[in-house]
PDB file of N, CA and C in Angstrom:
ATOM      1  N   MET A   1      32.440 118.927 -39.635  1.00  0.00           N
ATOM      2  CA  MET A   1      31.755 119.931 -38.827  1.00  0.00           C
ATOM      3  C   MET A   1      30.901 120.801 -39.748  1.00  0.00           C
ATOM      4  N   GLU A   2      29.695 121.119 -39.291  1.00  0.00           N
ATOM      5  CA  GLU A   2      28.816 121.955 -40.121  1.00  0.00           C
ATOM      6  C   GLU A   2      29.308 123.384 -40.144  1.00  0.00           C
ATOM      7  N   ALA A   3      29.009 124.080 -41.225  1.00  0.00           N
ATOM      8  CA  ALA A   3      29.421 125.476 -41.378  1.00  0.00           C
ATOM      9  C   ALA A   3      28.636 126.344 -40.406  1.00  0.00           C
ATOM     10  N   LEU A   4      29.335 127.195 -39.706  1.00  0.00           N
ATOM     11  CA  LEU A   4      28.703 128.121 -38.771  1.00  0.00           C
ATOM     12  C   LEU A   4      28.324 129.391 -39.500  1.00  0.00           C
ATOM     13  N   GLN A   5      27.213 129.998 -39.097  1.00  0.00           N
ATOM     14  CA  GLN A   5      26.768 131.212 -39.763  1.00  0.00           C
ATOM     15  C   GLN A   5      26.072 132.114 -38.754  1.00  0.00           C
ATOM     16  N   LEU A   6      26.502 133.351 -38.687  1.00  0.00           N
ATOM     17  CA  LEU A   6      25.837 134.359 -37.871  1.00  0.00           C
ATOM     18  C   LEU A   6      24.828 135.099 -38.726  1.00  0.00           C
ATOM     19  N   ARG A   7      23.717 135.473 -38.135  1.00  0.00           N
ATOM     20  CA  ARG A   7      22.720 136.283 -38.820  1.00  0.00           C
ATOM     21  C   ARG A   7      22.110 137.241 -37.817  1.00  0.00           C
ATOM     22  N   LYS A   8      21.476 138.251 -38.318  1.00  0.00           N
ATOM     23  CA  LYS A   8      20.789 139.207 -37.461  1.00  0.00           C
ATOM     24  C   LYS A   8      19.640 138.496 -36.743  1.00  0.00           C
ATOM     25  N   ALA A   9      19.499 138.764 -35.465  1.00  0.00           N
ATOM     26  CA  ALA A   9      18.373 138.216 -34.712  1.00  0.00           C
ATOM     27  C   ALA A   9      17.085 138.822 -35.254  1.00  0.00           C
ATOM     28  N   GLU A  10      16.054 138.009 -35.293  1.00  0.00           N
ATOM     29  CA  GLU A  10      14.772 138.440 -35.837  1.00  0.00           C
ATOM     30  C   GLU A  10      13.659 137.957 -34.922  1.00  0.00           C
ATOM     31  N   ARG A  11      12.846 138.890 -34.450  1.00  0.00           N
ATOM     32  CA  ARG A  11      11.721 138.509 -33.591  1.00  0.00           C
ATOM     33  C   ARG A  11      10.640 137.856 -34.433  1.00  0.00           C
ATOM     34  N   ARG A  12      10.209 136.684 -34.015  1.00  0.00           N
ATOM     35  CA  ARG A  12       9.189 135.952 -34.740  1.00  0.00           C
ATOM     36  C   ARG A  12       8.013 135.663 -33.824  1.00  0.00           C
ATOM     37  N   ARG A  13       6.858 135.574 -34.421  1.00  0.00           N
ATOM     38  CA  ARG A  13       5.668 135.245 -33.633  1.00  0.00           C
ATOM     39  C   ARG A  13       5.697 133.746 -33.316  1.00  0.00           C
ATOM     40  N   ALA A  14       5.736 133.437 -32.052  1.00  0.00           N
ATOM     41  CA  ALA A  14       5.764 132.050 -31.617  1.00  0.00           C
ATOM     42  C   ALA A  14       4.529 131.750 -30.768  1.00  0.00           C
ATOM     43  N   LYS A  15       4.046 130.535 -30.863  1.00  0.00           N
ATOM     44  CA  LYS A  15       2.909 130.121 -30.059  1.00  0.00           C
ATOM     45  C   LYS A  15       3.412 129.605 -28.712  1.00  0.00           C
ATOM     46  N   VAL A  16       2.753 130.020 -27.665  1.00  0.00           N
ATOM     47  CA  VAL A  16       3.113 129.602 -26.323  1.00  0.00           C
ATOM     48  C   VAL A  16       2.429 128.282 -26.016  1.00  0.00           C
ATOM     49  N   ARG A  17       3.151 127.356 -25.444  1.00  0.00           N
ATOM     50  CA  ARG A  17       2.566 126.096 -24.969  1.00  0.00           C
ATOM     51  C   ARG A  17       2.881 125.995 -23.481  1.00  0.00           C
ATOM     52  N   ILE A  18       1.831 125.966 -22.696  1.00  0.00           N
ATOM     53  CA  ILE A  18       1.990 125.965 -21.246  1.00  0.00           C
ATOM     54  C   ILE A  18       1.256 124.751 -20.680  1.00  0.00           C
ATOM     55  N   GLY A  19       1.912 124.011 -19.829  1.00  0.00           N
ATOM     56  CA  GLY A  19       1.268 122.905 -19.127  1.00  0.00           C
ATOM     57  C   GLY A  19       1.047 123.291 -17.673  1.00  0.00           C
ATOM     58  N   ILE A  20      -0.129 123.017 -17.171  1.00  0.00           N
ATOM     59  CA  ILE A  20      -0.454 123.299 -15.768  1.00  0.00           C
ATOM     60  C   ILE A  20      -0.763 121.963 -15.115  1.00  0.00           C
ATOM     61  N   SER A  21      -0.087 121.691 -14.022  1.00  0.00           N
ATOM     62  CA  SER A  21      -0.369 120.434 -13.326  1.00  0.00           C
ATOM     63  C   SER A  21      -0.627 120.714 -11.857  1.00  0.00           C
ATOM     64  N   GLY A  22      -1.359 119.812 -11.246  1.00  0.00           N
ATOM     65  CA  GLY A  22      -1.681 119.932  -9.833  1.00  0.00           C
ATOM     66  C   GLY A  22      -2.727 118.914  -9.467  1.00  0.00           C
ATOM     67  N   PRO A  23      -2.961 118.743  -8.199  1.00  0.00           N
ATOM     68  CA  PRO A  23      -3.967 117.771  -7.772  1.00  0.00           C
ATOM     69  C   PRO A  23      -5.380 118.239  -8.128  1.00  0.00           C
ATOM     70  N   SER A  24      -6.292 117.311  -8.128  1.00  0.00           N
ATOM     71  CA  SER A  24      -7.681 117.607  -8.413  1.00  0.00           C
ATOM     72  C   SER A  24      -8.187 118.700  -7.474  1.00  0.00           C
ATOM     73  N   GLY A  25      -8.882 119.676  -8.042  1.00  0.00           N
ATOM     74  CA  GLY A  25      -9.446 120.759  -7.238  1.00  0.00           C
ATOM     75  C   GLY A  25      -8.490 121.887  -6.919  1.00  0.00           C
ATOM     76  N   SER A  26      -7.285 121.870  -7.496  1.00  0.00           N
ATOM     77  CA  SER A  26      -6.302 122.903  -7.166  1.00  0.00           C
ATOM     78  C   SER A  26      -6.432 124.180  -7.994  1.00  0.00           C
ATOM     79  N   GLY A  27      -7.345 124.191  -8.969  1.00  0.00           N
ATOM     80  CA  GLY A  27      -7.577 125.408  -9.728  1.00  0.00           C
ATOM     81  C   GLY A  27      -6.913 125.450 -11.099  1.00  0.00           C
ATOM     82  N   LYS A  28      -6.596 124.297 -11.659  1.00  0.00           N
ATOM     83  CA  LYS A  28      -5.911 124.269 -12.958  1.00  0.00           C
ATOM     84  C   LYS A  28      -6.765 124.868 -14.075  1.00  0.00           C
ATOM     85  N   THR A  29      -8.015 124.453 -14.174  1.00  0.00           N
ATOM     86  CA  THR A  29      -8.886 124.952 -15.241  1.00  0.00           C
ATOM     87  C   THR A  29      -9.147 126.439 -15.070  1.00  0.00           C
ATOM     88  N   TYR A  30      -9.465 126.854 -13.887  1.00  0.00           N
ATOM     89  CA  TYR A  30      -9.714 128.265 -13.587  1.00  0.00           C
ATOM     90  C   TYR A  30      -8.478 129.098 -13.950  1.00  0.00           C
ATOM     91  N   SER A  31      -7.316 128.632 -13.528  1.00  0.00           N
ATOM     92  CA  SER A  31      -6.071 129.356 -13.816  1.00  0.00           C
ATOM     93  C   SER A  31      -5.782 129.393 -15.307  1.00  0.00           C
ATOM     94  N   ALA A  32      -6.038 128.279 -16.003  1.00  0.00           N
ATOM     95  CA  ALA A  32      -5.806 128.240 -17.457  1.00  0.00           C
ATOM     96  C   ALA A  32      -6.697 129.250 -18.177  1.00  0.00           C
ATOM     97  N   LEU A  33      -7.939 129.345 -17.759  1.00  0.00           N
ATOM     98  CA  LEU A  33      -8.855 130.312 -18.378  1.00  0.00           C
ATOM     99  C   LEU A  33      -8.389 131.751 -18.137  1.00  0.00           C
ATOM    100  N   LEU A  34      -7.987 132.061 -16.917  1.00  0.00           N
ATOM    101  CA  LEU A  34      -7.519 133.424 -16.632  1.00  0.00           C
ATOM    102  C   LEU A  34      -6.216 133.728 -17.373  1.00  0.00           C
ATOM    103  N   LEU A  35      -5.339 132.735 -17.466  1.00  0.00           N
ATOM    104  CA  LEU A  35      -4.083 132.903 -18.209  1.00  0.00           C
ATOM    105  C   LEU A  35      -4.380 133.146 -19.692  1.00  0.00           C
ATOM    106  N   ALA A  36      -5.289 132.363 -20.261  1.00  0.00           N
ATOM    107  CA  ALA A  36      -5.652 132.546 -21.663  1.00  0.00           C
ATOM    108  C   ALA A  36      -6.243 133.934 -21.897  1.00  0.00           C
ATOM    109  N   LYS A  37      -7.107 134.376 -21.001  1.00  0.00           N
ATOM    110  CA  LYS A  37      -7.704 135.716 -21.123  1.00  0.00           C
ATOM    111  C   LYS A  37      -6.616 136.780 -21.088  1.00  0.00           C
ATOM    112  N   GLY A  38      -5.647 136.607 -20.204  1.00  0.00           N
ATOM    113  CA  GLY A  38      -4.540 137.556 -20.131  1.00  0.00           C
ATOM    114  C   GLY A  38      -3.686 137.565 -21.390  1.00  0.00           C
ATOM    115  N   LEU A  39      -3.533 136.411 -22.017  1.00  0.00           N
ATOM    116  CA  LEU A  39      -2.712 136.317 -23.224  1.00  0.00           C
ATOM    117  C   LEU A  39      -3.398 136.894 -24.458  1.00  0.00           C
ATOM    118  N   VAL A  40      -4.696 136.602 -24.630  1.00  0.00           N
ATOM    119  CA  VAL A  40      -5.366 137.013 -25.865  1.00  0.00           C
ATOM    120  C   VAL A  40      -6.296 138.212 -25.671  1.00  0.00           C
ATOM    121  N   GLY A  41      -6.724 138.469 -24.433  1.00  0.00           N
ATOM    122  CA  GLY A  41      -7.516 139.653 -24.144  1.00  0.00           C
ATOM    123  C   GLY A  41      -8.981 139.591 -24.543  1.00  0.00           C
ATOM    124  N   ASP A  42      -9.454 138.467 -25.073  1.00  0.00           N
ATOM    125  CA  ASP A  42     -10.821 138.405 -25.578  1.00  0.00           C
ATOM    126  C   ASP A  42     -11.371 136.997 -25.328  1.00  0.00           C
ATOM    127  N   TRP A  43     -12.390 136.907 -24.483  1.00  0.00           N
ATOM    128  CA  TRP A  43     -12.973 135.602 -24.152  1.00  0.00           C
ATOM    129  C   TRP A  43     -13.441 134.860 -25.393  1.00  0.00           C
ATOM    130  N   SER A  44     -13.924 135.580 -26.398  1.00  0.00           N
ATOM    131  CA  SER A  44     -14.467 134.918 -27.594  1.00  0.00           C
ATOM    132  C   SER A  44     -13.388 134.266 -28.455  1.00  0.00           C
ATOM    133  N   LYS A  45     -12.138 134.492 -28.137  1.00  0.00           N
ATOM    134  CA  LYS A  45     -11.018 133.889 -28.880  1.00  0.00           C
ATOM    135  C   LYS A  45     -10.391 132.727 -28.111  1.00  0.00           C
ATOM    136  N   ILE A  46     -11.073 132.284 -27.045  1.00  0.00           N
ATOM    137  CA  ILE A  46     -10.576 131.182 -26.211  1.00  0.00           C
ATOM    138  C   ILE A  46     -11.487 129.974 -26.399  1.00  0.00           C
ATOM    139  N   ALA A  47     -10.881 128.812 -26.621  1.00  0.00           N
ATOM    140  CA  ALA A  47     -11.624 127.551 -26.707  1.00  0.00           C
ATOM    141  C   ALA A  47     -11.148 126.623 -25.603  1.00  0.00           C
ATOM    142  N   LEU A  48     -12.107 126.005 -24.940  1.00  0.00           N
ATOM    143  CA  LEU A  48     -11.786 125.003 -23.935  1.00  0.00           C
ATOM    144  C   LEU A  48     -12.284 123.653 -24.454  1.00  0.00           C
ATOM    145  N   ILE A  49     -11.344 122.739 -24.672  1.00  0.00           N
ATOM    146  CA  ILE A  49     -11.659 121.376 -25.106  1.00  0.00           C
ATOM    147  C   ILE A  49     -11.755 120.538 -23.847  1.00  0.00           C
ATOM    148  N   ASP A  50     -12.921 119.965 -23.620  1.00  0.00           N
ATOM    149  CA  ASP A  50     -13.217 119.287 -22.356  1.00  0.00           C
ATOM    150  C   ASP A  50     -13.304 117.771 -22.533  1.00  0.00           C
ATOM    151  N   THR A  51     -12.491 117.059 -21.777  1.00  0.00           N
ATOM    152  CA  THR A  51     -12.572 115.590 -21.706  1.00  0.00           C
ATOM    153  C   THR A  51     -13.101 115.152 -20.346  1.00  0.00           C
ATOM    154  N   GLU A  52     -13.482 116.123 -19.523  1.00  0.00           N
ATOM    155  CA  GLU A  52     -13.816 115.881 -18.124  1.00  0.00           C
ATOM    156  C   GLU A  52     -15.322 115.828 -17.846  1.00  0.00           C
ATOM    157  N   GLU A  53     -16.087 115.301 -18.772  1.00  0.00           N
ATOM    158  CA  GLU A  53     -17.527 115.093 -18.549  1.00  0.00           C
ATOM    159  C   GLU A  53     -18.299 116.379 -18.228  1.00  0.00           C
ATOM    160  N   GLY A  54     -17.962 117.470 -18.911  1.00  0.00           N
ATOM    161  CA  GLY A  54     -18.719 118.700 -18.757  1.00  0.00           C
ATOM    162  C   GLY A  54     -18.196 119.670 -17.729  1.00  0.00           C
ATOM    163  N   ARG A  55     -17.119 119.333 -17.065  1.00  0.00           N
ATOM    164  CA  ARG A  55     -16.599 120.221 -16.016  1.00  0.00           C
ATOM    165  C   ARG A  55     -16.062 121.535 -16.571  1.00  0.00           C
ATOM    166  N   GLY A  56     -15.756 121.575 -17.857  1.00  0.00           N
ATOM    167  CA  GLY A  56     -15.216 122.789 -18.469  1.00  0.00           C
ATOM    168  C   GLY A  56     -16.190 123.950 -18.533  1.00  0.00           C
ATOM    169  N   GLU A  57     -17.460 123.679 -18.290  1.00  0.00           N
ATOM    170  CA  GLU A  57     -18.441 124.749 -18.307  1.00  0.00           C
ATOM    171  C   GLU A  57     -18.679 125.353 -16.927  1.00  0.00           C
ATOM    172  N   LEU A  58     -18.015 124.823 -15.914  1.00  0.00           N
ATOM    173  CA  LEU A  58     -18.222 125.315 -14.556  1.00  0.00           C
ATOM    174  C   LEU A  58     -17.829 126.786 -14.376  1.00  0.00           C
ATOM    175  N   TYR A  59     -16.959 127.274 -15.245  1.00  0.00           N
ATOM    176  CA  TYR A  59     -16.444 128.638 -15.094  1.00  0.00           C
ATOM    177  C   TYR A  59     -17.004 129.587 -16.139  1.00  0.00           C
ATOM    178  N   SER A  60     -18.169 129.253 -16.710  1.00  0.00           N
ATOM    179  CA  SER A  60     -18.756 130.086 -17.759  1.00  0.00           C
ATOM    180  C   SER A  60     -19.077 131.491 -17.263  1.00  0.00           C
ATOM    181  N   ASP A  61     -19.175 131.668 -15.953  1.00  0.00           N
ATOM    182  CA  ASP A  61     -19.432 133.005 -15.408  1.00  0.00           C
ATOM    183  C   ASP A  61     -18.225 133.942 -15.554  1.00  0.00           C
ATOM    184  N   LEU A  62     -17.046 133.389 -15.845  1.00  0.00           N
ATOM    185  CA  LEU A  62     -15.861 134.235 -16.029  1.00  0.00           C
ATOM    186  C   LEU A  62     -15.980 135.084 -17.288  1.00  0.00           C
ATOM    187  N   GLY A  63     -16.509 134.479 -18.350  1.00  0.00           N
ATOM    188  CA  GLY A  63     -16.613 135.178 -19.625  1.00  0.00           C
ATOM    189  C   GLY A  63     -17.119 134.226 -20.691  1.00  0.00           C
ATOM    190  N   GLY A  64     -17.337 134.757 -21.872  1.00  0.00           N
ATOM    191  CA  GLY A  64     -17.930 133.986 -22.963  1.00  0.00           C
ATOM    192  C   GLY A  64     -16.924 133.198 -23.763  1.00  0.00           C
ATOM    193  N   TYR A  65     -16.215 132.281 -23.121  1.00  0.00           N
ATOM    194  CA  TYR A  65     -15.279 131.428 -23.859  1.00  0.00           C
ATOM    195  C   TYR A  65     -16.049 130.335 -24.592  1.00  0.00           C
ATOM    196  N   ASN A  66     -15.415 129.759 -25.586  1.00  0.00           N
ATOM    197  CA  ASN A  66     -16.005 128.706 -26.395  1.00  0.00           C
ATOM    198  C   ASN A  66     -15.704 127.355 -25.772  1.00  0.00           C
ATOM    199  N   TYR A  67     -16.631 126.432 -25.938  1.00  0.00           N
ATOM    200  CA  TYR A  67     -16.564 125.143 -25.263  1.00  0.00           C
ATOM    201  C   TYR A  67     -16.803 124.029 -26.272  1.00  0.00           C
ATOM    202  N   LEU A  68     -15.970 122.990 -26.181  1.00  0.00           N
ATOM    203  CA  LEU A  68     -16.109 121.815 -27.043  1.00  0.00           C
ATOM    204  C   LEU A  68     -15.824 120.575 -26.211  1.00  0.00           C
ATOM    205  N   ARG A  69     -16.832 119.725 -26.079  1.00  0.00           N
ATOM    206  CA  ARG A  69     -16.671 118.496 -25.306  1.00  0.00           C
ATOM    207  C   ARG A  69     -16.341 117.347 -26.245  1.00  0.00           C
ATOM    208  N   ILE A  70     -15.318 116.569 -25.889  1.00  0.00           N
ATOM    209  CA  ILE A  70     -15.007 115.370 -26.658  1.00  0.00           C
ATOM    210  C   ILE A  70     -15.096 114.154 -25.742  1.00  0.00           C
ATOM    211  N   ARG A  71     -15.383 113.033 -26.364  1.00  0.00           N
ATOM    212  CA  ARG A  71     -15.541 111.774 -25.634  1.00  0.00           C
ATOM    213  C   ARG A  71     -14.584 110.734 -26.192  1.00  0.00           C
ATOM    214  N   ALA A  72     -14.431 109.647 -25.452  1.00  0.00           N
ATOM    215  CA  ALA A  72     -13.569 108.549 -25.879  1.00  0.00           C
ATOM    216  C   ALA A  72     -14.029 108.036 -27.235  1.00  0.00           C
ATOM    217  N   PRO A  73     -13.122 107.509 -28.016  1.00  0.00           N
ATOM    218  CA  PRO A  73     -11.724 107.240 -27.697  1.00  0.00           C
ATOM    219  C   PRO A  73     -10.879 108.519 -27.769  1.00  0.00           C
ATOM    220  N   PHE A  74      -9.914 108.601 -26.878  1.00  0.00           N
ATOM    221  CA  PHE A  74      -9.074 109.785 -26.765  1.00  0.00           C
ATOM    222  C   PHE A  74      -7.738 109.589 -27.491  1.00  0.00           C
ATOM    223  N   ASN A  75      -7.800 109.176 -28.746  1.00  0.00           N
ATOM    224  CA  ASN A  75      -6.560 108.962 -29.501  1.00  0.00           C
ATOM    225  C   ASN A  75      -5.950 110.289 -29.925  1.00  0.00           C
ATOM    226  N   PRO A  76      -4.654 110.297 -30.198  1.00  0.00           N
ATOM    227  CA  PRO A  76      -3.970 111.545 -30.561  1.00  0.00           C
ATOM    228  C   PRO A  76      -4.589 112.232 -31.776  1.00  0.00           C
ATOM    229  N   GLU A  77      -5.072 111.454 -32.740  1.00  0.00           N
ATOM    230  CA  GLU A  77      -5.671 112.052 -33.935  1.00  0.00           C
ATOM    231  C   GLU A  77      -6.885 112.917 -33.601  1.00  0.00           C
ATOM    232  N   LYS A  78      -7.650 112.505 -32.616  1.00  0.00           N
ATOM    233  CA  LYS A  78      -8.819 113.283 -32.220  1.00  0.00           C
ATOM    234  C   LYS A  78      -8.390 114.649 -31.659  1.00  0.00           C
ATOM    235  N   PHE A  79      -7.322 114.652 -30.867  1.00  0.00           N
ATOM    236  CA  PHE A  79      -6.850 115.912 -30.295  1.00  0.00           C
ATOM    237  C   PHE A  79      -6.327 116.837 -31.398  1.00  0.00           C
ATOM    238  N   VAL A  80      -5.626 116.286 -32.378  1.00  0.00           N
ATOM    239  CA  VAL A  80      -5.149 117.097 -33.502  1.00  0.00           C
ATOM    240  C   VAL A  80      -6.342 117.662 -34.269  1.00  0.00           C
ATOM    241  N   GLU A  81      -7.352 116.825 -34.495  1.00  0.00           N
ATOM    242  CA  GLU A  81      -8.550 117.257 -35.226  1.00  0.00           C
ATOM    243  C   GLU A  81      -9.260 118.417 -34.523  1.00  0.00           C
ATOM    244  N   VAL A  82      -9.459 118.309 -33.222  1.00  0.00           N
ATOM    245  CA  VAL A  82     -10.189 119.375 -32.523  1.00  0.00           C
ATOM    246  C   VAL A  82      -9.353 120.649 -32.381  1.00  0.00           C
ATOM    247  N   MET A  83      -8.033 120.496 -32.226  1.00  0.00           N
ATOM    248  CA  MET A  83      -7.186 121.696 -32.161  1.00  0.00           C
ATOM    249  C   MET A  83      -7.164 122.405 -33.514  1.00  0.00           C
ATOM    250  N   THR A  84      -7.085 121.643 -34.594  1.00  0.00           N
ATOM    251  CA  THR A  84      -7.125 122.226 -35.936  1.00  0.00           C
ATOM    252  C   THR A  84      -8.452 122.939 -36.167  1.00  0.00           C
ATOM    253  N   PHE A  85      -9.550 122.307 -35.770  1.00  0.00           N
ATOM    254  CA  PHE A  85     -10.871 122.914 -35.886  1.00  0.00           C
ATOM    255  C   PHE A  85     -10.916 124.253 -35.127  1.00  0.00           C
ATOM    256  N   CYS A  86     -10.382 124.270 -33.915  1.00  0.00           N
ATOM    257  CA  CYS A  86     -10.377 125.508 -33.118  1.00  0.00           C
ATOM    258  C   CYS A  86      -9.542 126.594 -33.788  1.00  0.00           C
ATOM    259  N   GLU A  87      -8.369 126.230 -34.306  1.00  0.00           N
ATOM    260  CA  GLU A  87      -7.527 127.206 -35.001  1.00  0.00           C
ATOM    261  C   GLU A  87      -8.242 127.762 -36.226  1.00  0.00           C
ATOM    262  N   GLU A  88      -8.863 126.871 -37.009  1.00  0.00           N
ATOM    263  CA  GLU A  88      -9.579 127.309 -38.211  1.00  0.00           C
ATOM    264  C   GLU A  88     -10.807 128.146 -37.870  1.00  0.00           C
ATOM    265  N   SER A  89     -11.309 128.014 -36.648  1.00  0.00           N
ATOM    266  CA  SER A  89     -12.455 128.799 -36.195  1.00  0.00           C
ATOM    267  C   SER A  89     -12.043 130.132 -35.586  1.00  0.00           C
ATOM    268  N   GLY A  90     -10.742 130.442 -35.642  1.00  0.00           N
ATOM    269  CA  GLY A  90     -10.260 131.740 -35.187  1.00  0.00           C
ATOM    270  C   GLY A  90      -9.868 131.819 -33.725  1.00  0.00           C
ATOM    271  N   MET A  91      -9.761 130.682 -33.064  1.00  0.00           N
ATOM    272  CA  MET A  91      -9.368 130.692 -31.662  1.00  0.00           C
ATOM    273  C   MET A  91      -7.884 131.038 -31.544  1.00  0.00           C
ATOM    274  N   GLU A  92      -7.559 131.870 -30.579  1.00  0.00           N
ATOM    275  CA  GLU A  92      -6.183 132.278 -30.345  1.00  0.00           C
ATOM    276  C   GLU A  92      -5.576 131.594 -29.131  1.00  0.00           C
ATOM    277  N   ALA A  93      -6.415 131.029 -28.273  1.00  0.00           N
ATOM    278  CA  ALA A  93      -5.953 130.238 -27.124  1.00  0.00           C
ATOM    279  C   ALA A  93      -6.826 128.993 -27.056  1.00  0.00           C
ATOM    280  N   ILE A  94      -6.163 127.844 -26.929  1.00  0.00           N
ATOM    281  CA  ILE A  94      -6.866 126.574 -26.842  1.00  0.00           C
ATOM    282  C   ILE A  94      -6.437 125.892 -25.547  1.00  0.00           C
ATOM    283  N   ILE A  95      -7.412 125.590 -24.719  1.00  0.00           N
ATOM    284  CA  ILE A  95      -7.156 124.900 -23.456  1.00  0.00           C
ATOM    285  C   ILE A  95      -7.658 123.475 -23.603  1.00  0.00           C
ATOM    286  N   ILE A  96      -6.792 122.520 -23.304  1.00  0.00           N
ATOM    287  CA  ILE A  96      -7.203 121.116 -23.311  1.00  0.00           C
ATOM    288  C   ILE A  96      -7.320 120.674 -21.866  1.00  0.00           C
ATOM    289  N   ASP A  97      -8.526 120.325 -21.478  1.00  0.00           N
ATOM    290  CA  ASP A  97      -8.789 119.940 -20.092  1.00  0.00           C
ATOM    291  C   ASP A  97      -9.524 118.595 -20.098  1.00  0.00           C
ATOM    292  N   SER A  98      -8.818 117.539 -20.067  1.00  0.00           N
ATOM    293  CA  SER A  98      -7.474 117.337 -19.637  1.00  0.00           C
ATOM    294  C   SER A  98      -6.703 116.501 -20.662  1.00  0.00           C
ATOM    295  N   ALA A  99      -5.444 116.831 -20.863  1.00  0.00           N
ATOM    296  CA  ALA A  99      -4.613 116.078 -21.787  1.00  0.00           C
ATOM    297  C   ALA A  99      -4.258 114.699 -21.237  1.00  0.00           C
ATOM    298  N   THR A 100      -4.489 114.484 -19.959  1.00  0.00           N
ATOM    299  CA  THR A 100      -4.230 113.179 -19.348  1.00  0.00           C
ATOM    300  C   THR A 100      -4.971 112.081 -20.093  1.00  0.00           C
ATOM    301  N   HIS A 101      -6.173 112.384 -20.586  1.00  0.00           N
ATOM    302  CA  HIS A 101      -6.954 111.371 -21.278  1.00  0.00           C
ATOM    303  C   HIS A 101      -6.291 110.902 -22.570  1.00  0.00           C
ATOM    304  N   GLU A 102      -5.544 111.788 -23.233  1.00  0.00           N
ATOM    305  CA  GLU A 102      -4.842 111.373 -24.448  1.00  0.00           C
ATOM    306  C   GLU A 102      -3.806 110.314 -24.127  1.00  0.00           C
ATOM    307  N   TRP A 103      -3.238 110.389 -22.955  1.00  0.00           N
ATOM    308  CA  TRP A 103      -2.241 109.411 -22.537  1.00  0.00           C
ATOM    309  C   TRP A 103      -2.877 108.175 -21.909  1.00  0.00           C
ATOM    310  N   ASP A 104      -3.738 108.408 -20.924  1.00  0.00           N
ATOM    311  CA  ASP A 104      -4.192 107.315 -20.066  1.00  0.00           C
ATOM    312  C   ASP A 104      -5.676 106.979 -20.213  1.00  0.00           C
ATOM    313  N   GLY A 105      -6.397 107.688 -21.063  1.00  0.00           N
ATOM    314  CA  GLY A 105      -7.832 107.439 -21.208  1.00  0.00           C
ATOM    315  C   GLY A 105      -8.136 106.344 -22.217  1.00  0.00           C
ATOM    316  N   PRO A 106      -9.404 105.962 -22.326  1.00  0.00           N
ATOM    317  CA  PRO A 106      -9.803 104.945 -23.303  1.00  0.00           C
ATOM    318  C   PRO A 106      -9.428 105.379 -24.734  1.00  0.00           C
ATOM    319  N   GLY A 107      -8.682 104.535 -25.415  1.00  0.00           N
ATOM    320  CA  GLY A 107      -8.241 104.849 -26.773  1.00  0.00           C
ATOM    321  C   GLY A 107      -7.012 105.733 -26.822  1.00  0.00           C
ATOM    322  N   GLY A 108      -6.461 106.089 -25.651  1.00  0.00           N
ATOM    323  CA  GLY A 108      -5.278 106.936 -25.582  1.00  0.00           C
ATOM    324  C   GLY A 108      -3.994 106.179 -25.888  1.00  0.00           C
ATOM    325  N   CYS A 109      -2.880 106.856 -25.740  1.00  0.00           N
ATOM    326  CA  CYS A 109      -1.576 106.305 -26.118  1.00  0.00           C
ATOM    327  C   CYS A 109      -1.240 104.999 -25.391  1.00  0.00           C
ATOM    328  N   LYS A 110      -1.566 104.913 -24.101  1.00  0.00           N
ATOM    329  CA  LYS A 110      -1.257 103.676 -23.378  1.00  0.00           C
ATOM    330  C   LYS A 110      -2.059 102.500 -23.915  1.00  0.00           C
ATOM    331  N   SER A 111      -3.340 102.721 -24.216  1.00  0.00           N
ATOM    332  CA  SER A 111      -4.135 101.606 -24.730  1.00  0.00           C
ATOM    333  C   SER A 111      -3.707 101.244 -26.158  1.00  0.00           C
ATOM    334  N   ILE A 112      -3.296 102.227 -26.948  1.00  0.00           N
ATOM    335  CA  ILE A 112      -2.763 101.937 -28.279  1.00  0.00           C
ATOM    336  C   ILE A 112      -1.511 101.091 -28.155  1.00  0.00           C
ATOM    337  N   ASN A 113      -0.626 101.486 -27.239  1.00  0.00           N
ATOM    338  CA  ASN A 113       0.609 100.723 -27.013  1.00  0.00           C
ATOM    339  C   ASN A 113       0.305  99.308 -26.538  1.00  0.00           C
ATOM    340  N   ASP A 114      -0.643  99.172 -25.614  1.00  0.00           N
ATOM    341  CA  ASP A 114      -0.997  97.851 -25.114  1.00  0.00           C
ATOM    342  C   ASP A 114      -1.536  96.964 -26.227  1.00  0.00           C
ATOM    343  N   SER A 115      -2.365  97.522 -27.106  1.00  0.00           N
ATOM    344  CA  SER A 115      -2.921  96.711 -28.189  1.00  0.00           C
ATOM    345  C   SER A 115      -1.843  96.317 -29.190  1.00  0.00           C
ATOM    346  N   LEU A 116      -0.858  97.180 -29.412  1.00  0.00           N
ATOM    347  CA  LEU A 116       0.254  96.821 -30.292  1.00  0.00           C
ATOM    348  C   LEU A 116       1.104  95.723 -29.671  1.00  0.00           C
ATOM    349  N   ALA A 117       1.308  95.805 -28.350  1.00  0.00           N
ATOM    350  CA  ALA A 117       2.114  94.794 -27.646  1.00  0.00           C
ATOM    351  C   ALA A 117       1.420  93.438 -27.716  1.00  0.00           C
ATOM    352  N   GLN A 118       0.114  93.416 -27.662  1.00  0.00           N
ATOM    353  CA  GLN A 118      -0.634  92.148 -27.716  1.00  0.00           C
ATOM    354  C   GLN A 118      -0.578  91.519 -29.088  1.00  0.00           C
ATOM    355  N   MET A 119      -0.300  92.310 -30.105  1.00  0.00           N
ATOM    356  CA  MET A 119      -0.236  91.796 -31.476  1.00  0.00           C
ATOM    357  C   MET A 119       1.034  90.995 -31.715  1.00  0.00           C
ATOM    358  N   LYS A 120       2.038  91.174 -30.880  1.00  0.00           N
ATOM    359  CA  LYS A 120       3.323  90.481 -31.061  1.00  0.00           C
ATOM    360  C   LYS A 120       3.227  89.024 -30.757  1.00  0.00           C
TER     361      LYS A 120
END
């Protein structure tokens, strides 16, 4: 059995990860933008990564958030690269619209898995 140890509780800065799901047109992107604004308080510190063919700019009237469009292939490395870029650019909230493409889009996890299965 591992040694048990009590220590004083310490509040640490943690990053929030929130997933929003719903049918098309239900307000996920709009809600994510308002939630991000509420969390960070400054539109200029919000980045929206768009895989949805430009739909991420539909709400530009809300405030001056930052926008980055990515295209296929939607492999996991690309998502890590763009999130790292946003963090290094000083973004405090990063919205990925939509993460579905990383799983089910061209070059995403399912297609990677399928190509590995075909190699057997």
